[in-house]
Amino acid sequence: MEQDQTNKTIGYFCPSCRQPVMGSKTLFALAASPTKITCDCGRSHGEVVLTEDKFRLTVPCLFCGKTHTVEGSLHHFLEETLAFSCKTSGLACCFVGSEEKVGGAMARLQETVEKLGTKPKEENAVFLDPLVMEEVLEEIKEIAKRDGISCTCGSHQWRIDVKYSAIDLICAKCGGAVRIPAATQDDIDDICCKDRILMKKV
């Protein structure tokens, strides 16, 4: 549960100026009307709409250049820190939660954004950073050997979907999933600290 339930912070990277965009609104303001979070450059914005039991978030994506719209339970929006990913790149494109947690997540994503900006575009490149991907895959294999991968539905059966800069583990029983970032050194450090990986039942 968030430390501060009276405010929510939304964060994304502007596809026009490539700068982080963060905006905080009270729950009252979010519930009163559709709310826009606009970049200082004025060329992009995200929008949040709350209804009685759902939320709808529309946000521009730096990584694929399109606009993503996600919907979900209002309870999850109010009580959890949420991360939404670009299906094309596998990278997180938006975060919702407390200012502290969203700020931390945006800071970690900044390294990936900088790498994308400086890394030469390789034709037919399979991964953003093949060495990072290899290390993360090896760590997942080690956790799997200890039967450390499971789902909240109780299943220990899963399949793997390797993307450009992330790895999805998907429950074979209920379709629940978890995304493991695999783009930077921080992603290697994070997975090395894990004894278990938990997929979430949908």
N, C-alpha and C. Protein backbone atom coordinates (compact mmCIF):
# COMPACT_ATOMS: atom_id res chain seq x y z
N MET A 1 0.84 -1.20 0.00
CA MET A 1 0.00 0.00 0.00
C MET A 1 0.87 1.24 0.00
N GLU A 2 0.44 2.23 -0.72
CA GLU A 2 1.22 3.44 -0.82
C GLU A 2 1.29 4.17 0.51
N GLN A 3 2.40 4.88 0.74
CA GLN A 3 2.55 5.64 1.96
C GLN A 3 1.60 6.83 1.98
N ASP A 4 1.30 7.42 0.82
CA ASP A 4 0.44 8.58 0.74
C ASP A 4 -0.70 8.28 -0.21
N GLN A 5 -1.90 8.07 0.35
CA GLN A 5 -3.04 7.69 -0.46
C GLN A 5 -3.79 8.90 -1.01
N THR A 6 -3.38 10.12 -0.67
CA THR A 6 -4.12 11.30 -1.11
C THR A 6 -3.62 11.82 -2.46
N ASN A 7 -2.47 11.35 -2.90
CA ASN A 7 -1.90 11.80 -4.18
C ASN A 7 -1.43 10.61 -5.00
N LYS A 8 -1.48 10.78 -6.31
CA LYS A 8 -0.91 9.80 -7.23
C LYS A 8 0.00 10.54 -8.20
N THR A 9 1.14 9.91 -8.47
CA THR A 9 2.09 10.47 -9.43
C THR A 9 2.12 9.60 -10.67
N ILE A 10 2.06 10.24 -11.83
CA ILE A 10 2.15 9.54 -13.11
C ILE A 10 3.44 9.98 -13.79
N GLY A 11 4.21 9.04 -14.31
CA GLY A 11 5.47 9.37 -14.96
C GLY A 11 5.63 8.66 -16.29
N TYR A 12 6.16 9.37 -17.28
CA TYR A 12 6.49 8.78 -18.58
C TYR A 12 7.62 9.60 -19.21
N PHE A 13 8.18 9.10 -20.31
CA PHE A 13 9.20 9.85 -21.05
C PHE A 13 8.58 10.43 -22.31
N CYS A 14 8.79 11.72 -22.52
CA CYS A 14 8.22 12.40 -23.68
C CYS A 14 8.89 11.90 -24.96
N PRO A 15 8.12 11.46 -25.95
CA PRO A 15 8.73 11.00 -27.20
C PRO A 15 9.29 12.13 -28.06
N SER A 16 8.92 13.37 -27.76
CA SER A 16 9.40 14.50 -28.55
C SER A 16 10.74 15.02 -28.05
N CYS A 17 10.83 15.29 -26.74
CA CYS A 17 12.08 15.85 -26.19
C CYS A 17 12.90 14.83 -25.41
N ARG A 18 12.36 13.61 -25.22
CA ARG A 18 13.04 12.50 -24.56
C ARG A 18 13.33 12.80 -23.07
N GLN A 19 12.60 13.71 -22.48
CA GLN A 19 12.80 14.04 -21.07
C GLN A 19 11.73 13.36 -20.21
N PRO A 20 12.09 13.05 -18.95
CA PRO A 20 11.08 12.47 -18.05
C PRO A 20 9.99 13.46 -17.72
N VAL A 21 8.76 12.99 -17.66
CA VAL A 21 7.60 13.81 -17.32
C VAL A 21 6.92 13.18 -16.11
N MET A 22 6.75 13.97 -15.05
CA MET A 22 6.08 13.48 -13.85
C MET A 22 5.07 14.52 -13.38
N GLY A 23 3.91 14.05 -12.99
CA GLY A 23 2.90 14.95 -12.46
C GLY A 23 2.14 14.28 -11.34
N SER A 24 1.87 15.01 -10.27
CA SER A 24 1.13 14.49 -9.12
C SER A 24 -0.21 15.19 -9.01
N LYS A 25 -1.24 14.41 -8.75
CA LYS A 25 -2.59 14.93 -8.58
C LYS A 25 -3.23 14.29 -7.36
N THR A 26 -4.12 15.03 -6.70
CA THR A 26 -4.86 14.45 -5.59
C THR A 26 -5.88 13.47 -6.15
N LEU A 27 -6.29 12.51 -5.33
CA LEU A 27 -7.31 11.56 -5.76
C LEU A 27 -8.62 12.28 -6.06
N PHE A 28 -8.91 13.35 -5.31
CA PHE A 28 -10.11 14.13 -5.55
C PHE A 28 -10.09 14.73 -6.95
N ALA A 29 -8.96 15.31 -7.34
CA ALA A 29 -8.84 15.91 -8.67
C ALA A 29 -8.95 14.86 -9.76
N LEU A 30 -8.34 13.69 -9.53
CA LEU A 30 -8.40 12.62 -10.52
C LEU A 30 -9.82 12.10 -10.70
N ALA A 31 -10.56 12.01 -9.60
CA ALA A 31 -11.92 11.50 -9.66
C ALA A 31 -12.90 12.52 -10.23
N ALA A 32 -12.57 13.80 -10.10
CA ALA A 32 -13.50 14.85 -10.51
C ALA A 32 -13.66 14.95 -12.02
N SER A 33 -12.56 14.74 -12.76
CA SER A 33 -12.62 14.89 -14.21
C SER A 33 -11.38 14.26 -14.83
N PRO A 34 -11.40 14.00 -16.15
CA PRO A 34 -10.20 13.50 -16.82
C PRO A 34 -9.02 14.44 -16.57
N THR A 35 -7.86 13.86 -16.29
CA THR A 35 -6.69 14.65 -15.88
C THR A 35 -5.55 14.45 -16.87
N LYS A 36 -4.95 15.55 -17.30
CA LYS A 36 -3.82 15.49 -18.22
C LYS A 36 -2.51 15.80 -17.48
N ILE A 37 -1.47 15.03 -17.81
CA ILE A 37 -0.11 15.29 -17.34
C ILE A 37 0.69 15.68 -18.58
N THR A 38 1.11 16.94 -18.66
CA THR A 38 1.70 17.48 -19.89
C THR A 38 3.20 17.74 -19.72
N CYS A 39 3.97 17.39 -20.75
CA CYS A 39 5.40 17.67 -20.75
C CYS A 39 5.64 19.18 -20.84
N ASP A 40 6.74 19.64 -20.26
CA ASP A 40 7.09 21.06 -20.31
C ASP A 40 7.27 21.56 -21.74
N CYS A 41 7.64 20.66 -22.66
CA CYS A 41 7.83 21.07 -24.05
C CYS A 41 6.51 21.30 -24.76
N GLY A 42 5.42 20.83 -24.15
CA GLY A 42 4.09 21.04 -24.71
C GLY A 42 3.71 20.12 -25.85
N ARG A 43 4.57 19.15 -26.16
CA ARG A 43 4.31 18.32 -27.34
C ARG A 43 3.81 16.91 -27.00
N SER A 44 3.59 16.63 -25.74
CA SER A 44 3.03 15.33 -25.37
C SER A 44 2.30 15.45 -24.03
N HIS A 45 1.36 14.55 -23.83
CA HIS A 45 0.68 14.49 -22.54
C HIS A 45 0.09 13.10 -22.33
N GLY A 46 -0.07 12.76 -21.06
CA GLY A 46 -0.79 11.55 -20.68
C GLY A 46 -2.13 11.95 -20.09
N GLU A 47 -3.09 11.03 -20.09
CA GLU A 47 -4.41 11.34 -19.56
C GLU A 47 -4.92 10.19 -18.70
N VAL A 48 -5.51 10.53 -17.57
CA VAL A 48 -6.08 9.55 -16.65
C VAL A 48 -7.56 9.82 -16.48
N VAL A 49 -8.37 8.77 -16.60
CA VAL A 49 -9.80 8.87 -16.37
C VAL A 49 -10.20 7.81 -15.35
N LEU A 50 -10.85 8.22 -14.28
CA LEU A 50 -11.33 7.30 -13.25
C LEU A 50 -12.84 7.20 -13.31
N THR A 51 -13.36 5.97 -13.19
CA THR A 51 -14.79 5.75 -13.05
C THR A 51 -15.04 5.12 -11.70
N GLU A 52 -16.23 4.60 -11.47
CA GLU A 52 -16.55 4.04 -10.16
C GLU A 52 -15.67 2.85 -9.79
N ASP A 53 -15.30 2.04 -10.77
CA ASP A 53 -14.53 0.83 -10.45
C ASP A 53 -13.35 0.56 -11.37
N LYS A 54 -13.09 1.49 -12.32
CA LYS A 54 -11.99 1.26 -13.25
C LYS A 54 -11.18 2.53 -13.48
N PHE A 55 -10.01 2.35 -14.06
CA PHE A 55 -9.23 3.49 -14.52
C PHE A 55 -8.86 3.27 -15.97
N ARG A 56 -8.67 4.35 -16.70
CA ARG A 56 -8.15 4.29 -18.07
C ARG A 56 -7.02 5.29 -18.18
N LEU A 57 -5.87 4.80 -18.62
CA LEU A 57 -4.68 5.64 -18.74
C LEU A 57 -4.22 5.63 -20.19
N THR A 58 -4.05 6.81 -20.75
CA THR A 58 -3.53 6.96 -22.11
C THR A 58 -2.21 7.72 -22.03
N VAL A 59 -1.16 7.15 -22.63
CA VAL A 59 0.16 7.75 -22.49
C VAL A 59 0.97 7.58 -23.77
N PRO A 60 1.72 8.60 -24.18
CA PRO A 60 2.59 8.46 -25.37
C PRO A 60 3.79 7.59 -25.02
N CYS A 61 4.33 6.91 -26.02
CA CYS A 61 5.44 5.99 -25.78
C CYS A 61 6.70 6.45 -26.52
N LEU A 62 7.75 6.66 -25.77
CA LEU A 62 9.04 7.05 -26.35
C LEU A 62 9.61 5.95 -27.23
N PHE A 63 9.33 4.70 -26.92
CA PHE A 63 10.04 3.59 -27.54
C PHE A 63 9.46 3.14 -28.88
N CYS A 64 8.14 3.25 -29.04
CA CYS A 64 7.56 2.85 -30.33
C CYS A 64 6.92 4.02 -31.06
N GLY A 65 6.79 5.16 -30.37
CA GLY A 65 6.23 6.35 -31.00
C GLY A 65 4.72 6.37 -31.06
N LYS A 66 4.07 5.34 -30.54
CA LYS A 66 2.61 5.29 -30.55
C LYS A 66 2.05 5.72 -29.20
N THR A 67 0.74 5.75 -29.10
CA THR A 67 0.07 6.05 -27.84
C THR A 67 -0.55 4.77 -27.30
N HIS A 68 -0.30 4.47 -26.04
CA HIS A 68 -0.85 3.26 -25.42
C HIS A 68 -2.00 3.62 -24.49
N THR A 69 -3.03 2.80 -24.50
CA THR A 69 -4.14 2.95 -23.57
C THR A 69 -4.30 1.66 -22.78
N VAL A 70 -4.34 1.79 -21.47
CA VAL A 70 -4.52 0.62 -20.60
C VAL A 70 -5.69 0.89 -19.66
N GLU A 71 -6.41 -0.16 -19.31
CA GLU A 71 -7.51 -0.07 -18.37
C GLU A 71 -7.33 -1.13 -17.30
N GLY A 72 -7.85 -0.85 -16.12
CA GLY A 72 -7.71 -1.81 -15.05
C GLY A 72 -8.58 -1.46 -13.86
N SER A 73 -8.42 -2.26 -12.82
CA SER A 73 -9.21 -2.09 -11.61
C SER A 73 -8.84 -0.80 -10.88
N LEU A 74 -9.85 -0.06 -10.45
CA LEU A 74 -9.60 1.15 -9.68
C LEU A 74 -8.88 0.83 -8.38
N HIS A 75 -9.18 -0.32 -7.81
CA HIS A 75 -8.52 -0.74 -6.57
C HIS A 75 -7.02 -0.82 -6.76
N HIS A 76 -6.58 -1.43 -7.86
CA HIS A 76 -5.15 -1.54 -8.13
C HIS A 76 -4.53 -0.16 -8.34
N PHE A 77 -5.24 0.71 -9.02
CA PHE A 77 -4.74 2.07 -9.26
C PHE A 77 -4.53 2.81 -7.94
N LEU A 78 -5.44 2.62 -7.01
CA LEU A 78 -5.38 3.35 -5.74
C LEU A 78 -4.37 2.75 -4.76
N GLU A 79 -4.20 1.43 -4.81
CA GLU A 79 -3.45 0.76 -3.75
C GLU A 79 -2.05 0.31 -4.13
N GLU A 80 -1.72 0.24 -5.42
CA GLU A 80 -0.45 -0.35 -5.83
C GLU A 80 0.39 0.62 -6.65
N THR A 81 1.68 0.27 -6.76
CA THR A 81 2.55 0.95 -7.72
C THR A 81 2.46 0.17 -9.02
N LEU A 82 2.10 0.85 -10.10
CA LEU A 82 1.86 0.18 -11.37
C LEU A 82 2.90 0.58 -12.41
N ALA A 83 3.27 -0.39 -13.24
CA ALA A 83 4.19 -0.13 -14.36
C ALA A 83 3.56 -0.70 -15.61
N PHE A 84 3.50 0.09 -16.66
CA PHE A 84 2.91 -0.34 -17.92
C PHE A 84 3.98 -0.36 -19.00
N SER A 85 3.96 -1.40 -19.81
CA SER A 85 5.04 -1.62 -20.77
C SER A 85 4.56 -1.47 -22.21
N CYS A 86 5.51 -1.09 -23.06
CA CYS A 86 5.30 -1.06 -24.50
C CYS A 86 5.41 -2.49 -25.02
N LYS A 87 4.39 -2.97 -25.70
CA LYS A 87 4.41 -4.34 -26.20
C LYS A 87 5.45 -4.55 -27.29
N THR A 88 5.74 -3.49 -28.03
CA THR A 88 6.71 -3.61 -29.12
C THR A 88 8.13 -3.76 -28.61
N SER A 89 8.52 -2.91 -27.66
CA SER A 89 9.90 -2.91 -27.18
C SER A 89 10.10 -3.75 -25.93
N GLY A 90 9.02 -3.98 -25.18
CA GLY A 90 9.15 -4.67 -23.90
C GLY A 90 9.58 -3.78 -22.76
N LEU A 91 9.80 -2.49 -23.04
CA LEU A 91 10.24 -1.55 -22.01
C LEU A 91 9.06 -0.88 -21.33
N ALA A 92 9.23 -0.59 -20.03
CA ALA A 92 8.20 0.15 -19.31
C ALA A 92 8.09 1.55 -19.91
N CYS A 93 6.86 2.02 -20.10
CA CYS A 93 6.66 3.34 -20.69
C CYS A 93 5.91 4.29 -19.77
N CYS A 94 5.38 3.77 -18.66
CA CYS A 94 4.62 4.63 -17.74
C CYS A 94 4.56 3.99 -16.37
N PHE A 95 4.61 4.84 -15.34
CA PHE A 95 4.51 4.37 -13.96
C PHE A 95 3.45 5.19 -13.23
N VAL A 96 2.76 4.54 -12.29
CA VAL A 96 1.77 5.22 -11.45
C VAL A 96 1.98 4.77 -10.01
N GLY A 97 2.01 5.73 -9.09
CA GLY A 97 2.18 5.37 -7.68
C GLY A 97 2.53 6.58 -6.85
N SER A 98 3.26 6.35 -5.77
CA SER A 98 3.72 7.46 -4.95
C SER A 98 4.84 8.20 -5.69
N GLU A 99 5.05 9.45 -5.32
CA GLU A 99 6.10 10.24 -5.97
C GLU A 99 7.47 9.59 -5.80
N GLU A 100 7.73 9.03 -4.63
CA GLU A 100 9.02 8.41 -4.36
C GLU A 100 9.25 7.19 -5.25
N LYS A 101 8.26 6.32 -5.34
CA LYS A 101 8.43 5.09 -6.11
C LYS A 101 8.45 5.35 -7.61
N VAL A 102 7.60 6.26 -8.07
CA VAL A 102 7.61 6.59 -9.50
C VAL A 102 8.92 7.28 -9.87
N GLY A 103 9.40 8.17 -8.99
CA GLY A 103 10.67 8.84 -9.25
C GLY A 103 11.82 7.87 -9.34
N GLY A 104 11.83 6.86 -8.46
CA GLY A 104 12.88 5.84 -8.49
C GLY A 104 12.83 5.01 -9.76
N ALA A 105 11.62 4.63 -10.17
CA ALA A 105 11.45 3.84 -11.38
C ALA A 105 11.87 4.63 -12.62
N MET A 106 11.52 5.91 -12.65
CA MET A 106 11.90 6.75 -13.78
C MET A 106 13.41 6.94 -13.85
N ALA A 107 14.06 7.05 -12.71
CA ALA A 107 15.51 7.20 -12.68
C ALA A 107 16.20 5.95 -13.22
N ARG A 108 15.66 4.77 -12.88
CA ARG A 108 16.24 3.53 -13.39
C ARG A 108 16.02 3.41 -14.90
N LEU A 109 14.85 3.84 -15.36
CA LEU A 109 14.57 3.76 -16.79
C LEU A 109 15.41 4.74 -17.59
N GLN A 110 15.85 5.82 -16.95
CA GLN A 110 16.66 6.85 -17.62
C GLN A 110 17.91 6.24 -18.24
N GLU A 111 18.51 5.28 -17.54
CA GLU A 111 19.73 4.63 -18.06
C GLU A 111 19.44 3.92 -19.38
N THR A 112 18.28 3.27 -19.46
CA THR A 112 17.90 2.59 -20.69
C THR A 112 17.64 3.59 -21.80
N VAL A 113 16.96 4.70 -21.46
CA VAL A 113 16.68 5.74 -22.45
C VAL A 113 17.98 6.30 -23.02
N GLU A 114 18.96 6.53 -22.13
CA GLU A 114 20.25 7.06 -22.57
C GLU A 114 20.98 6.04 -23.44
N LYS A 115 20.87 4.76 -23.08
CA LYS A 115 21.52 3.73 -23.89
C LYS A 115 20.91 3.66 -25.28
N LEU A 116 19.60 3.77 -25.35
CA LEU A 116 18.92 3.76 -26.65
C LEU A 116 19.35 4.95 -27.50
N GLY A 117 19.63 6.08 -26.82
CA GLY A 117 20.00 7.29 -27.55
C GLY A 117 21.42 7.27 -28.07
N THR A 118 22.29 6.54 -27.39
CA THR A 118 23.70 6.54 -27.77
C THR A 118 24.12 5.28 -28.51
N LYS A 119 23.35 4.21 -28.36
CA LYS A 119 23.71 2.95 -28.99
C LYS A 119 23.44 3.02 -30.50
N PRO A 120 24.42 2.69 -31.34
CA PRO A 120 24.18 2.70 -32.79
C PRO A 120 23.06 1.74 -33.17
N LYS A 121 22.24 2.13 -34.11
CA LYS A 121 21.15 1.28 -34.57
C LYS A 121 21.71 0.15 -35.43
N GLU A 122 21.62 -1.06 -34.92
CA GLU A 122 22.12 -2.21 -35.66
C GLU A 122 20.96 -2.85 -36.42
N GLU A 123 21.16 -3.01 -37.69
CA GLU A 123 20.12 -3.63 -38.51
C GLU A 123 19.87 -5.05 -38.03
N ASN A 124 18.59 -5.41 -37.87
CA ASN A 124 18.17 -6.74 -37.43
C ASN A 124 18.67 -7.09 -36.03
N ALA A 125 18.94 -6.07 -35.19
CA ALA A 125 19.37 -6.34 -33.81
C ALA A 125 18.27 -7.08 -33.07
N VAL A 126 18.64 -8.14 -32.37
CA VAL A 126 17.67 -8.96 -31.65
C VAL A 126 17.41 -8.40 -30.26
N PHE A 127 18.49 -7.94 -29.59
CA PHE A 127 18.38 -7.42 -28.23
C PHE A 127 19.03 -6.05 -28.12
N LEU A 128 18.52 -5.24 -27.18
CA LEU A 128 19.13 -3.95 -26.92
C LEU A 128 20.57 -4.11 -26.47
N ASP A 129 20.80 -5.05 -25.54
CA ASP A 129 22.15 -5.36 -25.07
C ASP A 129 22.25 -6.87 -24.90
N PRO A 130 22.85 -7.56 -25.86
CA PRO A 130 22.92 -9.02 -25.82
C PRO A 130 23.60 -9.57 -24.56
N LEU A 131 24.62 -8.88 -24.04
CA LEU A 131 25.32 -9.37 -22.85
C LEU A 131 24.41 -9.31 -21.63
N VAL A 132 23.66 -8.22 -21.50
CA VAL A 132 22.71 -8.11 -20.38
C VAL A 132 21.64 -9.19 -20.51
N MET A 133 21.11 -9.36 -21.70
CA MET A 133 20.07 -10.37 -21.91
C MET A 133 20.58 -11.76 -21.54
N GLU A 134 21.80 -12.07 -21.94
CA GLU A 134 22.38 -13.38 -21.62
C GLU A 134 22.51 -13.59 -20.12
N GLU A 135 22.97 -12.56 -19.41
CA GLU A 135 23.13 -12.67 -17.96
C GLU A 135 21.79 -12.86 -17.27
N VAL A 136 20.79 -12.07 -17.68
CA VAL A 136 19.47 -12.18 -17.05
C VAL A 136 18.85 -13.55 -17.31
N LEU A 137 18.99 -14.05 -18.54
CA LEU A 137 18.48 -15.38 -18.86
C LEU A 137 19.15 -16.46 -18.02
N GLU A 138 20.44 -16.33 -17.81
CA GLU A 138 21.16 -17.31 -16.98
C GLU A 138 20.66 -17.29 -15.54
N GLU A 139 20.41 -16.09 -15.01
CA GLU A 139 19.90 -15.98 -13.64
C GLU A 139 18.50 -16.59 -13.54
N ILE A 140 17.66 -16.38 -14.55
CA ILE A 140 16.33 -16.98 -14.54
C ILE A 140 16.43 -18.51 -14.56
N LYS A 141 17.36 -19.03 -15.35
CA LYS A 141 17.57 -20.48 -15.40
C LYS A 141 17.98 -21.03 -14.04
N GLU A 142 18.83 -20.28 -13.33
CA GLU A 142 19.27 -20.72 -12.00
C GLU A 142 18.10 -20.73 -11.01
N ILE A 143 17.26 -19.72 -11.08
CA ILE A 143 16.09 -19.67 -10.20
C ILE A 143 15.13 -20.82 -10.54
N ALA A 144 14.98 -21.10 -11.83
CA ALA A 144 14.11 -22.19 -12.27
C ALA A 144 14.61 -23.54 -11.77
N LYS A 145 15.93 -23.75 -11.74
CA LYS A 145 16.50 -25.01 -11.24
C LYS A 145 16.13 -25.25 -9.79
N ARG A 146 15.92 -24.16 -9.02
CA ARG A 146 15.53 -24.28 -7.61
C ARG A 146 14.01 -24.30 -7.44
N ASP A 147 13.29 -24.43 -8.57
CA ASP A 147 11.83 -24.38 -8.56
C ASP A 147 11.35 -23.08 -7.92
N GLY A 148 12.05 -22.00 -8.26
CA GLY A 148 11.73 -20.71 -7.66
C GLY A 148 10.78 -19.86 -8.47
N ILE A 149 10.22 -20.42 -9.55
CA ILE A 149 9.30 -19.64 -10.39
C ILE A 149 7.90 -20.22 -10.23
N SER A 150 6.96 -19.41 -9.78
CA SER A 150 5.59 -19.87 -9.55
C SER A 150 4.61 -18.73 -9.81
N CYS A 151 3.33 -19.09 -9.78
CA CYS A 151 2.27 -18.11 -10.01
C CYS A 151 1.38 -18.01 -8.79
N THR A 152 0.71 -16.89 -8.63
CA THR A 152 -0.19 -16.72 -7.48
C THR A 152 -1.38 -17.69 -7.55
N CYS A 153 -1.62 -18.29 -8.74
CA CYS A 153 -2.69 -19.29 -8.85
C CYS A 153 -2.24 -20.65 -8.30
N GLY A 154 -0.96 -20.78 -7.98
CA GLY A 154 -0.42 -22.02 -7.43
C GLY A 154 0.39 -22.85 -8.40
N SER A 155 0.33 -22.52 -9.67
CA SER A 155 1.04 -23.30 -10.68
C SER A 155 2.53 -23.00 -10.68
N HIS A 156 3.32 -24.02 -11.01
CA HIS A 156 4.76 -23.87 -11.20
C HIS A 156 5.14 -24.14 -12.66
N GLN A 157 4.13 -24.19 -13.53
CA GLN A 157 4.36 -24.41 -14.96
C GLN A 157 4.31 -23.07 -15.68
N TRP A 158 5.27 -22.83 -16.55
CA TRP A 158 5.35 -21.53 -17.20
C TRP A 158 6.07 -21.65 -18.53
N ARG A 159 5.93 -20.59 -19.33
CA ARG A 159 6.68 -20.49 -20.58
C ARG A 159 7.36 -19.12 -20.61
N ILE A 160 8.32 -19.00 -21.49
CA ILE A 160 9.12 -17.78 -21.54
C ILE A 160 8.98 -17.11 -22.90
N ASP A 161 8.90 -15.79 -22.88
CA ASP A 161 8.80 -15.00 -24.11
C ASP A 161 9.89 -13.92 -24.05
N VAL A 162 10.94 -14.09 -24.85
CA VAL A 162 12.08 -13.18 -24.82
C VAL A 162 11.86 -12.06 -25.82
N LYS A 163 11.94 -10.81 -25.33
CA LYS A 163 11.71 -9.64 -26.16
C LYS A 163 13.02 -8.87 -26.36
N TYR A 164 12.91 -7.70 -26.97
CA TYR A 164 14.10 -6.89 -27.30
C TYR A 164 14.87 -6.45 -26.06
N SER A 165 14.17 -6.11 -24.99
CA SER A 165 14.85 -5.60 -23.80
C SER A 165 14.22 -6.09 -22.51
N ALA A 166 13.46 -7.18 -22.60
CA ALA A 166 12.79 -7.73 -21.42
C ALA A 166 12.44 -9.19 -21.67
N ILE A 167 12.08 -9.87 -20.59
CA ILE A 167 11.70 -11.27 -20.67
C ILE A 167 10.37 -11.43 -19.95
N ASP A 168 9.39 -12.02 -20.62
CA ASP A 168 8.10 -12.29 -19.99
C ASP A 168 8.04 -13.76 -19.58
N LEU A 169 7.68 -14.00 -18.32
CA LEU A 169 7.38 -15.35 -17.85
C LEU A 169 5.87 -15.44 -17.72
N ILE A 170 5.28 -16.45 -18.36
CA ILE A 170 3.83 -16.55 -18.47
C ILE A 170 3.35 -17.88 -17.91
N CYS A 171 2.41 -17.82 -16.98
CA CYS A 171 1.88 -19.03 -16.34
C CYS A 171 1.14 -19.88 -17.37
N ALA A 172 1.45 -21.18 -17.39
CA ALA A 172 0.83 -22.08 -18.35
C ALA A 172 -0.60 -22.43 -17.96
N LYS A 173 -0.98 -22.17 -16.71
CA LYS A 173 -2.31 -22.52 -16.24
C LYS A 173 -3.31 -21.38 -16.41
N CYS A 174 -2.97 -20.18 -15.90
CA CYS A 174 -3.95 -19.09 -15.90
C CYS A 174 -3.58 -17.93 -16.82
N GLY A 175 -2.36 -17.94 -17.36
CA GLY A 175 -1.94 -16.86 -18.23
C GLY A 175 -1.38 -15.66 -17.49
N GLY A 176 -1.28 -15.76 -16.16
CA GLY A 176 -0.65 -14.70 -15.38
C GLY A 176 0.80 -14.54 -15.82
N ALA A 177 1.35 -13.35 -15.59
CA ALA A 177 2.68 -13.09 -16.13
C ALA A 177 3.46 -12.14 -15.24
N VAL A 178 4.76 -12.11 -15.49
CA VAL A 178 5.64 -11.11 -14.88
C VAL A 178 6.68 -10.74 -15.92
N ARG A 179 7.01 -9.46 -15.98
CA ARG A 179 8.03 -8.99 -16.94
C ARG A 179 9.33 -8.72 -16.21
N ILE A 180 10.42 -9.30 -16.70
CA ILE A 180 11.75 -9.10 -16.15
C ILE A 180 12.54 -8.21 -17.10
N PRO A 181 12.88 -6.98 -16.71
CA PRO A 181 13.67 -6.10 -17.59
C PRO A 181 15.05 -6.71 -17.85
N ALA A 182 15.56 -6.52 -19.05
CA ALA A 182 16.88 -7.04 -19.41
C ALA A 182 17.55 -6.08 -20.37
N ALA A 183 17.85 -4.87 -19.86
CA ALA A 183 18.42 -3.84 -20.72
C ALA A 183 19.69 -3.22 -20.17
N THR A 184 19.83 -3.18 -18.84
CA THR A 184 20.96 -2.47 -18.23
C THR A 184 21.61 -3.30 -17.13
N GLN A 185 22.73 -2.79 -16.62
CA GLN A 185 23.43 -3.44 -15.53
C GLN A 185 22.54 -3.53 -14.29
N ASP A 186 21.72 -2.51 -14.06
CA ASP A 186 20.80 -2.54 -12.92
C ASP A 186 19.84 -3.72 -13.00
N ASP A 187 19.45 -4.09 -14.22
CA ASP A 187 18.54 -5.23 -14.40
C ASP A 187 19.23 -6.53 -14.00
N ILE A 188 20.52 -6.63 -14.28
CA ILE A 188 21.28 -7.81 -13.85
C ILE A 188 21.35 -7.84 -12.32
N ASP A 189 21.66 -6.69 -11.72
CA ASP A 189 21.75 -6.62 -10.26
C ASP A 189 20.43 -6.99 -9.61
N ASP A 190 19.33 -6.52 -10.18
CA ASP A 190 18.01 -6.81 -9.61
C ASP A 190 17.70 -8.30 -9.63
N ILE A 191 17.93 -8.96 -10.76
CA ILE A 191 17.58 -10.38 -10.87
C ILE A 191 18.52 -11.23 -10.02
N CYS A 192 19.76 -10.78 -9.85
CA CYS A 192 20.71 -11.52 -9.01
C CYS A 192 20.29 -11.52 -7.54
N CYS A 193 19.49 -10.55 -7.15
CA CYS A 193 19.04 -10.45 -5.75
C CYS A 193 17.80 -11.30 -5.48
N LYS A 194 17.23 -11.90 -6.51
CA LYS A 194 15.98 -12.63 -6.34
C LYS A 194 16.23 -14.12 -6.10
N ASP A 195 15.52 -14.66 -5.12
CA ASP A 195 15.50 -16.10 -4.90
C ASP A 195 14.31 -16.74 -5.59
N ARG A 196 13.25 -15.93 -5.76
CA ARG A 196 12.02 -16.42 -6.37
C ARG A 196 11.47 -15.39 -7.35
N ILE A 197 10.69 -15.88 -8.30
CA ILE A 197 9.99 -15.00 -9.23
C ILE A 197 8.51 -15.40 -9.19
N LEU A 198 7.64 -14.42 -8.98
CA LEU A 198 6.21 -14.71 -8.84
C LEU A 198 5.42 -14.08 -9.99
N MET A 199 4.77 -14.92 -10.75
CA MET A 199 3.83 -14.44 -11.76
C MET A 199 2.50 -14.12 -11.08
N LYS A 200 1.77 -13.15 -11.62
CA LYS A 200 0.50 -12.76 -11.00
C LYS A 200 -0.67 -13.26 -11.82
N LYS A 201 -1.58 -13.93 -11.13
CA LYS A 201 -2.79 -14.45 -11.78
C LYS A 201 -3.61 -13.31 -12.34
N VAL A 202 -4.10 -13.50 -13.56
CA VAL A 202 -4.92 -12.44 -14.19
C VAL A 202 -6.38 -12.61 -13.82
